[in-house]
Amino acid sequence: MPIILRQGPYKRFFYSNEGSPREPAHIHVRAGSKEAKFWLEPDVALADNNGFHAKELKSIIGIVSAARQQIVDAWNVYFGN
């Protein structure tokens, strides 16, 4: 599970096995027992949420959007795209 970024309580990461065939570029965000998944292309969009409240999700989307290109680049390096 490569961790891409940490900011405050949020850890942003990929799972090493992202499916077969591999899903499109996305990032998982975890804080404590809460976790959400965000698609990165064409725009940042919530794919799944387990525990985050709407206000917190809005903040996380802003954080992920600001680092979107860095995350996509890390995805491509890690998965060899």
N, C-alpha and C. Protein backbone atom coordinates (compact mmCIF):
# COMPACT_ATOMS: atom_id res chain seq x y z
N MET A 1 0.85 -1.17 0.00
CA MET A 1 0.00 0.00 0.00
C MET A 1 0.90 1.23 0.00
N PRO A 2 1.21 1.75 -1.17
CA PRO A 2 2.06 2.95 -1.21
C PRO A 2 1.29 4.19 -0.75
N ILE A 3 1.83 4.86 0.25
CA ILE A 3 1.23 6.09 0.75
C ILE A 3 1.78 7.23 -0.08
N ILE A 4 0.89 8.01 -0.67
CA ILE A 4 1.28 9.09 -1.56
C ILE A 4 1.46 10.39 -0.79
N LEU A 5 0.51 10.73 0.06
CA LEU A 5 0.57 11.99 0.80
C LEU A 5 -0.07 11.82 2.17
N ARG A 6 0.43 12.57 3.12
CA ARG A 6 -0.21 12.69 4.44
C ARG A 6 -0.44 14.17 4.68
N GLN A 7 -1.62 14.49 5.17
CA GLN A 7 -1.92 15.88 5.51
C GLN A 7 -2.93 15.86 6.64
N GLY A 8 -2.54 16.43 7.77
CA GLY A 8 -3.41 16.38 8.94
C GLY A 8 -3.74 14.93 9.25
N PRO A 9 -5.02 14.62 9.49
CA PRO A 9 -5.39 13.24 9.82
C PRO A 9 -5.53 12.34 8.59
N TYR A 10 -5.33 12.90 7.40
CA TYR A 10 -5.62 12.16 6.17
C TYR A 10 -4.38 11.51 5.57
N LYS A 11 -4.53 10.23 5.27
CA LYS A 11 -3.49 9.47 4.57
C LYS A 11 -4.08 9.14 3.20
N ARG A 12 -3.36 9.51 2.14
CA ARG A 12 -3.81 9.22 0.77
C ARG A 12 -2.91 8.14 0.19
N PHE A 13 -3.53 7.10 -0.36
CA PHE A 13 -2.76 5.93 -0.78
C PHE A 13 -3.45 5.17 -1.90
N PHE A 14 -2.68 4.26 -2.50
CA PHE A 14 -3.19 3.27 -3.45
C PHE A 14 -3.09 1.92 -2.76
N TYR A 15 -3.93 1.00 -3.14
CA TYR A 15 -3.73 -0.39 -2.77
C TYR A 15 -2.80 -0.99 -3.82
N SER A 16 -1.93 -1.89 -3.42
CA SER A 16 -0.98 -2.48 -4.36
C SER A 16 -1.68 -3.27 -5.46
N ASN A 17 -2.81 -3.90 -5.13
CA ASN A 17 -3.58 -4.66 -6.11
C ASN A 17 -4.87 -3.88 -6.36
N GLU A 18 -4.91 -3.15 -7.43
CA GLU A 18 -6.07 -2.31 -7.73
C GLU A 18 -7.00 -2.96 -8.76
N GLY A 19 -7.11 -4.28 -8.70
CA GLY A 19 -8.05 -4.99 -9.55
C GLY A 19 -7.44 -5.51 -10.82
N SER A 20 -8.13 -6.46 -11.42
CA SER A 20 -7.70 -7.03 -12.68
C SER A 20 -8.93 -7.23 -13.54
N PRO A 21 -9.14 -6.45 -14.57
CA PRO A 21 -8.23 -5.40 -15.02
C PRO A 21 -8.20 -4.23 -14.03
N ARG A 22 -7.10 -3.49 -14.05
CA ARG A 22 -6.92 -2.38 -13.11
C ARG A 22 -7.99 -1.31 -13.32
N GLU A 23 -8.51 -0.80 -12.23
CA GLU A 23 -9.48 0.29 -12.29
C GLU A 23 -8.78 1.56 -12.79
N PRO A 24 -9.56 2.53 -13.27
CA PRO A 24 -8.96 3.81 -13.66
C PRO A 24 -8.29 4.48 -12.45
N ALA A 25 -7.44 5.45 -12.72
CA ALA A 25 -6.69 6.15 -11.67
C ALA A 25 -7.63 6.67 -10.58
N HIS A 26 -7.27 6.36 -9.33
CA HIS A 26 -8.05 6.82 -8.18
C HIS A 26 -7.14 6.82 -6.95
N ILE A 27 -7.64 7.41 -5.89
CA ILE A 27 -6.90 7.49 -4.63
C ILE A 27 -7.84 7.15 -3.49
N HIS A 28 -7.30 6.48 -2.49
CA HIS A 28 -8.04 6.19 -1.27
C HIS A 28 -7.59 7.18 -0.21
N VAL A 29 -8.51 7.64 0.61
CA VAL A 29 -8.19 8.56 1.70
C VAL A 29 -8.72 7.93 2.98
N ARG A 30 -7.85 7.87 4.00
CA ARG A 30 -8.24 7.28 5.27
C ARG A 30 -7.90 8.24 6.40
N ALA A 31 -8.79 8.27 7.38
CA ALA A 31 -8.55 8.97 8.64
C ALA A 31 -9.21 8.14 9.72
N GLY A 32 -8.40 7.53 10.57
CA GLY A 32 -8.95 6.63 11.58
C GLY A 32 -9.64 5.46 10.91
N SER A 33 -10.90 5.21 11.26
CA SER A 33 -11.64 4.09 10.68
C SER A 33 -12.44 4.51 9.44
N LYS A 34 -12.36 5.77 9.04
CA LYS A 34 -13.11 6.27 7.88
C LYS A 34 -12.24 6.15 6.63
N GLU A 35 -12.89 5.81 5.51
CA GLU A 35 -12.15 5.71 4.25
C GLU A 35 -13.07 6.08 3.09
N ALA A 36 -12.50 6.76 2.11
CA ALA A 36 -13.23 7.12 0.89
C ALA A 36 -12.31 6.88 -0.30
N LYS A 37 -12.94 6.72 -1.46
CA LYS A 37 -12.21 6.51 -2.71
C LYS A 37 -12.65 7.58 -3.69
N PHE A 38 -11.67 8.16 -4.39
CA PHE A 38 -11.95 9.24 -5.33
C PHE A 38 -11.36 8.92 -6.69
N TRP A 39 -12.19 9.02 -7.74
CA TRP A 39 -11.68 8.94 -9.11
C TRP A 39 -10.89 10.21 -9.38
N LEU A 40 -9.87 10.12 -10.21
CA LEU A 40 -9.02 11.28 -10.50
C LEU A 40 -9.23 11.84 -11.90
N GLU A 41 -9.84 11.07 -12.77
CA GLU A 41 -10.02 11.52 -14.15
C GLU A 41 -11.44 11.25 -14.62
N PRO A 42 -12.06 12.12 -15.37
CA PRO A 42 -11.48 13.35 -15.89
C PRO A 42 -11.34 14.44 -14.81
N ASP A 43 -12.18 14.37 -13.78
CA ASP A 43 -12.09 15.30 -12.65
C ASP A 43 -12.17 14.50 -11.37
N VAL A 44 -11.79 15.09 -10.26
CA VAL A 44 -11.89 14.42 -8.97
C VAL A 44 -13.38 14.23 -8.64
N ALA A 45 -13.74 12.98 -8.33
CA ALA A 45 -15.14 12.66 -8.01
C ALA A 45 -15.17 11.54 -6.98
N LEU A 46 -16.10 11.62 -6.06
CA LEU A 46 -16.26 10.60 -5.03
C LEU A 46 -16.74 9.30 -5.66
N ALA A 47 -16.04 8.21 -5.38
CA ALA A 47 -16.43 6.88 -5.88
C ALA A 47 -17.10 6.07 -4.78
N ASP A 48 -16.61 6.20 -3.54
CA ASP A 48 -17.14 5.43 -2.43
C ASP A 48 -16.79 6.13 -1.13
N ASN A 49 -17.68 6.03 -0.15
CA ASN A 49 -17.44 6.67 1.13
C ASN A 49 -17.87 5.74 2.25
N ASN A 50 -17.02 5.62 3.24
CA ASN A 50 -17.34 4.80 4.40
C ASN A 50 -16.99 5.59 5.66
N GLY A 51 -17.91 6.46 6.08
CA GLY A 51 -17.75 7.12 7.36
C GLY A 51 -17.53 8.62 7.37
N PHE A 52 -17.08 9.21 6.27
CA PHE A 52 -16.87 10.66 6.27
C PHE A 52 -18.20 11.40 6.13
N HIS A 53 -18.34 12.51 6.83
CA HIS A 53 -19.53 13.36 6.71
C HIS A 53 -19.36 14.30 5.52
N ALA A 54 -20.45 14.86 5.03
CA ALA A 54 -20.46 15.70 3.82
C ALA A 54 -19.46 16.86 3.92
N LYS A 55 -19.41 17.53 5.05
CA LYS A 55 -18.50 18.66 5.21
C LYS A 55 -17.04 18.21 5.10
N GLU A 56 -16.74 17.08 5.69
CA GLU A 56 -15.38 16.54 5.64
C GLU A 56 -15.04 16.10 4.21
N LEU A 57 -16.00 15.49 3.51
CA LEU A 57 -15.77 15.08 2.12
C LEU A 57 -15.46 16.28 1.24
N LYS A 58 -16.17 17.37 1.46
CA LYS A 58 -15.93 18.58 0.68
C LYS A 58 -14.49 19.06 0.87
N SER A 59 -14.02 19.02 2.10
CA SER A 59 -12.65 19.42 2.40
C SER A 59 -11.65 18.46 1.74
N ILE A 60 -11.92 17.17 1.82
CA ILE A 60 -11.03 16.17 1.23
C ILE A 60 -10.97 16.34 -0.29
N ILE A 61 -12.12 16.59 -0.92
CA ILE A 61 -12.14 16.79 -2.37
C ILE A 61 -11.24 17.96 -2.75
N GLY A 62 -11.27 19.03 -1.96
CA GLY A 62 -10.39 20.17 -2.20
C GLY A 62 -8.92 19.79 -2.10
N ILE A 63 -8.60 19.00 -1.08
CA ILE A 63 -7.22 18.57 -0.87
C ILE A 63 -6.75 17.68 -2.03
N VAL A 64 -7.59 16.72 -2.42
CA VAL A 64 -7.25 15.81 -3.52
C VAL A 64 -7.16 16.59 -4.83
N SER A 65 -8.08 17.51 -5.06
CA SER A 65 -8.05 18.30 -6.30
C SER A 65 -6.77 19.11 -6.41
N ALA A 66 -6.33 19.69 -5.31
CA ALA A 66 -5.11 20.50 -5.31
C ALA A 66 -3.87 19.67 -5.64
N ALA A 67 -3.89 18.38 -5.29
CA ALA A 67 -2.74 17.51 -5.52
C ALA A 67 -3.00 16.51 -6.65
N ARG A 68 -4.06 16.72 -7.41
CA ARG A 68 -4.50 15.76 -8.42
C ARG A 68 -3.36 15.33 -9.36
N GLN A 69 -2.66 16.28 -9.96
CA GLN A 69 -1.62 15.93 -10.92
C GLN A 69 -0.50 15.14 -10.27
N GLN A 70 -0.11 15.51 -9.07
CA GLN A 70 0.92 14.78 -8.33
C GLN A 70 0.47 13.34 -8.07
N ILE A 71 -0.80 13.16 -7.74
CA ILE A 71 -1.33 11.82 -7.47
C ILE A 71 -1.37 10.99 -8.76
N VAL A 72 -1.85 11.59 -9.85
CA VAL A 72 -1.90 10.89 -11.14
C VAL A 72 -0.49 10.49 -11.57
N ASP A 73 0.47 11.38 -11.40
CA ASP A 73 1.86 11.05 -11.76
C ASP A 73 2.37 9.88 -10.92
N ALA A 74 2.06 9.88 -9.62
CA ALA A 74 2.50 8.79 -8.74
C ALA A 74 1.81 7.49 -9.15
N TRP A 75 0.54 7.55 -9.53
CA TRP A 75 -0.19 6.37 -10.01
C TRP A 75 0.52 5.78 -11.24
N ASN A 76 0.83 6.66 -12.20
CA ASN A 76 1.46 6.20 -13.44
C ASN A 76 2.84 5.60 -13.19
N VAL A 77 3.60 6.18 -12.30
CA VAL A 77 4.92 5.63 -11.96
C VAL A 77 4.75 4.28 -11.27
N TYR A 78 3.87 4.20 -10.29
CA TYR A 78 3.71 2.98 -9.51
C TYR A 78 3.18 1.82 -10.35
N PHE A 79 2.17 2.10 -11.16
CA PHE A 79 1.53 1.03 -11.94
C PHE A 79 2.09 0.91 -13.35
N GLY A 80 3.07 1.74 -13.69
CA GLY A 80 3.75 1.60 -14.97
C GLY A 80 2.94 2.02 -16.17
N ASN A 81 2.10 3.05 -16.02
CA ASN A 81 1.31 3.55 -17.15
C ASN A 81 2.09 4.56 -17.93
